[in-house]
Amino acid sequence: MSTHSGGRARRSCLCCTSTSVDLETTVVSPFVAYRAWNGPAELTRIAFCADGGFRFFDRGLSADESARSYRGYRTEQYFRDRHRFDPFYTPIHIDDPIIVMYKT
């Protein structure tokens, strides 16, 4: 497993610039790695802002990686890819009453 060097955390929050940020090592989801950069999962850090409660990954996605990650979102191919890595994942139907309730 590779480790992503560099990052966005730099010991300050992306939202409020607070320096009260704790960092923990974590792994980028294999599904995200596959979709975004077509490579293996990587070690990264997750930052927790003690002042604002915001959480973010040190390894952000480039514009190209983000576009690849969401290409074909909710299509049958997306579902097959996602289900391969996350067998518990099921498509959510947009007309589901619970989903509609949260959209309003």
C-alpha atoms as a PDB file:
ATOM      1  CA  MET A   1       0.000   0.000   0.000  1.00  0.00           C
ATOM      2  CA  SER A   2       1.372   3.355  -0.977  1.00  0.00           C
ATOM      3  CA  THR A   3       1.371   6.495   1.122  1.00  0.00           C
ATOM      4  CA  HIS A   4       0.303   9.833  -0.272  1.00  0.00           C
ATOM      5  CA  SER A   5       2.838  12.489   0.594  1.00  0.00           C
ATOM      6  CA  GLY A   6       1.930  16.110   0.968  1.00  0.00           C
ATOM      7  CA  GLY A   7      -1.593  17.180   1.571  1.00  0.00           C
ATOM      8  CA  ARG A   8      -4.031  19.840   2.589  1.00  0.00           C
ATOM      9  CA  ALA A   9      -4.061  19.583   6.373  1.00  0.00           C
ATOM     10  CA  ARG A  10      -0.836  21.378   7.180  1.00  0.00           C
ATOM     11  CA  ARG A  11      -2.072  21.541  10.755  1.00  0.00           C
ATOM     12  CA  SER A  12      -4.833  24.049   9.997  1.00  0.00           C
ATOM     13  CA  CYS A  13      -8.523  23.629   9.209  1.00  0.00           C
ATOM     14  CA  LEU A  14      -9.667  24.133   5.619  1.00  0.00           C
ATOM     15  CA  CYS A  15     -12.869  25.852   6.790  1.00  0.00           C
ATOM     16  CA  CYS A  16     -11.919  28.086   9.703  1.00  0.00           C
ATOM     17  CA  THR A  17      -8.073  28.004   9.586  1.00  0.00           C
ATOM     18  CA  SER A  18      -7.976  26.942  13.231  1.00  0.00           C
ATOM     19  CA  THR A  19      -4.713  25.337  14.263  1.00  0.00           C
ATOM     20  CA  SER A  20      -6.533  23.069  16.728  1.00  0.00           C
ATOM     21  CA  VAL A  21      -6.445  20.152  14.317  1.00  0.00           C
ATOM     22  CA  ASP A  22      -5.779  16.533  15.207  1.00  0.00           C
ATOM     23  CA  LEU A  23      -4.525  14.166  12.516  1.00  0.00           C
ATOM     24  CA  GLU A  24      -4.993  10.410  12.386  1.00  0.00           C
ATOM     25  CA  THR A  25      -3.697   7.944   9.820  1.00  0.00           C
ATOM     26  CA  THR A  26      -6.339   6.180   7.763  1.00  0.00           C
ATOM     27  CA  VAL A  27      -6.754   4.423   4.427  1.00  0.00           C
ATOM     28  CA  VAL A  28      -8.488   5.833   1.365  1.00  0.00           C
ATOM     29  CA  SER A  29     -11.342   3.558   0.354  1.00  0.00           C
ATOM     30  CA  PRO A  30     -10.297   0.994  -2.282  1.00  0.00           C
ATOM     31  CA  PHE A  31     -13.410   1.978  -4.266  1.00  0.00           C
ATOM     32  CA  VAL A  32     -12.429   5.659  -4.263  1.00  0.00           C
ATOM     33  CA  ALA A  33      -8.863   4.760  -5.250  1.00  0.00           C
ATOM     34  CA  TYR A  34     -10.126   2.606  -8.117  1.00  0.00           C
ATOM     35  CA  ARG A  35     -12.571   5.207  -9.412  1.00  0.00           C
ATOM     36  CA  ALA A  36     -10.473   8.348  -8.844  1.00  0.00           C
ATOM     37  CA  TRP A  37      -6.937   7.313  -9.794  1.00  0.00           C
ATOM     38  CA  ASN A  38      -7.308   3.684 -10.908  1.00  0.00           C
ATOM     39  CA  GLY A  39      -4.732   2.560  -8.407  1.00  0.00           C
ATOM     40  CA  PRO A  40      -4.381   0.951  -5.022  1.00  0.00           C
ATOM     41  CA  ALA A  41      -5.706   2.378  -1.800  1.00  0.00           C
ATOM     42  CA  GLU A  42      -3.295   4.743  -0.083  1.00  0.00           C
ATOM     43  CA  LEU A  43      -2.519   5.697   3.458  1.00  0.00           C
ATOM     44  CA  THR A  44      -3.494   9.257   4.236  1.00  0.00           C
ATOM     45  CA  ARG A  45      -4.528  11.301   7.224  1.00  0.00           C
ATOM     46  CA  ILE A  46      -7.906  12.547   8.338  1.00  0.00           C
ATOM     47  CA  ALA A  47      -7.983  15.913  10.072  1.00  0.00           C
ATOM     48  CA  PHE A  48     -10.431  16.770  12.856  1.00  0.00           C
ATOM     49  CA  CYS A  49     -10.929  20.455  13.679  1.00  0.00           C
ATOM     50  CA  ALA A  50     -11.461  20.796  17.432  1.00  0.00           C
ATOM     51  CA  ASP A  51     -12.959  24.283  17.068  1.00  0.00           C
ATOM     52  CA  GLY A  52     -15.453  23.845  14.229  1.00  0.00           C
ATOM     53  CA  GLY A  53     -15.865  20.064  14.101  1.00  0.00           C
ATOM     54  CA  PHE A  54     -15.022  19.915  10.400  1.00  0.00           C
ATOM     55  CA  ARG A  55     -13.341  16.724   9.169  1.00  0.00           C
ATOM     56  CA  PHE A  56     -11.399  16.332   5.965  1.00  0.00           C
ATOM     57  CA  PHE A  57      -8.898  14.038   4.335  1.00  0.00           C
ATOM     58  CA  ASP A  58      -5.362  15.258   3.907  1.00  0.00           C
ATOM     59  CA  ARG A  59      -5.295  13.669   0.468  1.00  0.00           C
ATOM     60  CA  GLY A  60      -7.836  15.596  -1.544  1.00  0.00           C
ATOM     61  CA  LEU A  61      -8.859  14.753  -5.084  1.00  0.00           C
ATOM     62  CA  SER A  62      -7.645  16.725  -8.070  1.00  0.00           C
ATOM     63  CA  ALA A  63     -10.283  18.060 -10.465  1.00  0.00           C
ATOM     64  CA  ASP A  64      -9.552  15.156 -12.845  1.00  0.00           C
ATOM     65  CA  GLU A  65      -9.740  12.567 -10.047  1.00  0.00           C
ATOM     66  CA  SER A  66     -13.015  14.022  -8.814  1.00  0.00           C
ATOM     67  CA  ALA A  67     -14.481  13.960 -12.333  1.00  0.00           C
ATOM     68  CA  ARG A  68     -13.413  10.319 -12.796  1.00  0.00           C
ATOM     69  CA  SER A  69     -14.833   9.418  -9.401  1.00  0.00           C
ATOM     70  CA  TYR A  70     -18.289  10.772 -10.278  1.00  0.00           C
ATOM     71  CA  ARG A  71     -18.355   9.828 -13.957  1.00  0.00           C
ATOM     72  CA  GLY A  72     -21.446   7.738 -14.604  1.00  0.00           C
ATOM     73  CA  TYR A  73     -22.677   8.283 -11.040  1.00  0.00           C
ATOM     74  CA  ARG A  74     -25.628   6.016 -10.235  1.00  0.00           C
ATOM     75  CA  THR A  75     -25.422   4.179 -13.550  1.00  0.00           C
ATOM     76  CA  GLU A  76     -25.454   0.397 -13.717  1.00  0.00           C
ATOM     77  CA  GLN A  77     -21.662   0.366 -14.219  1.00  0.00           C
ATOM     78  CA  TYR A  78     -21.169   2.593 -11.181  1.00  0.00           C
ATOM     79  CA  PHE A  79     -23.273   0.203  -9.136  1.00  0.00           C
ATOM     80  CA  ARG A  80     -21.285  -2.827 -10.346  1.00  0.00           C
ATOM     81  CA  ASP A  81     -17.973  -1.096  -9.537  1.00  0.00           C
ATOM     82  CA  ARG A  82     -19.161   0.012  -6.128  1.00  0.00           C
ATOM     83  CA  HIS A  83     -20.733  -3.329  -5.267  1.00  0.00           C
ATOM     84  CA  ARG A  84     -17.460  -5.092  -6.158  1.00  0.00           C
ATOM     85  CA  PHE A  85     -15.683  -3.183  -3.377  1.00  0.00           C
ATOM     86  CA  ASP A  86     -18.625  -2.648  -1.012  1.00  0.00           C
ATOM     87  CA  PRO A  87     -21.007  -5.639  -1.215  1.00  0.00           C
ATOM     88  CA  PHE A  88     -23.413  -3.930   1.199  1.00  0.00           C
ATOM     89  CA  TYR A  89     -23.939  -1.031  -1.255  1.00  0.00           C
ATOM     90  CA  THR A  90     -27.342  -0.943  -2.908  1.00  0.00           C
ATOM     91  CA  PRO A  91     -28.758   1.639  -5.284  1.00  0.00           C
ATOM     92  CA  ILE A  92     -31.102   4.151  -3.683  1.00  0.00           C
ATOM     93  CA  HIS A  93     -34.174   5.000  -5.651  1.00  0.00           C
ATOM     94  CA  ILE A  94     -34.730   8.732  -5.839  1.00  0.00           C
ATOM     95  CA  ASP A  95     -38.479   8.263  -5.266  1.00  0.00           C
ATOM     96  CA  ASP A  96     -37.904   6.563  -1.918  1.00  0.00           C
ATOM     97  CA  PRO A  97     -40.128   8.440   0.608  1.00  0.00           C
ATOM     98  CA  ILE A  98     -37.248   8.793   3.074  1.00  0.00           C
ATOM     99  CA  ILE A  99     -34.973  10.313   0.425  1.00  0.00           C
ATOM    100  CA  VAL A 100     -37.758  12.664  -0.707  1.00  0.00           C
ATOM    101  CA  MET A 101     -38.348  13.713   2.905  1.00  0.00           C
ATOM    102  CA  TYR A 102     -34.706  14.801   3.267  1.00  0.00           C
ATOM    103  CA  LYS A 103     -34.703  16.617  -0.072  1.00  0.00           C
ATOM    104  CA  THR A 104     -37.513  18.982   0.958  1.00  0.00           C
END
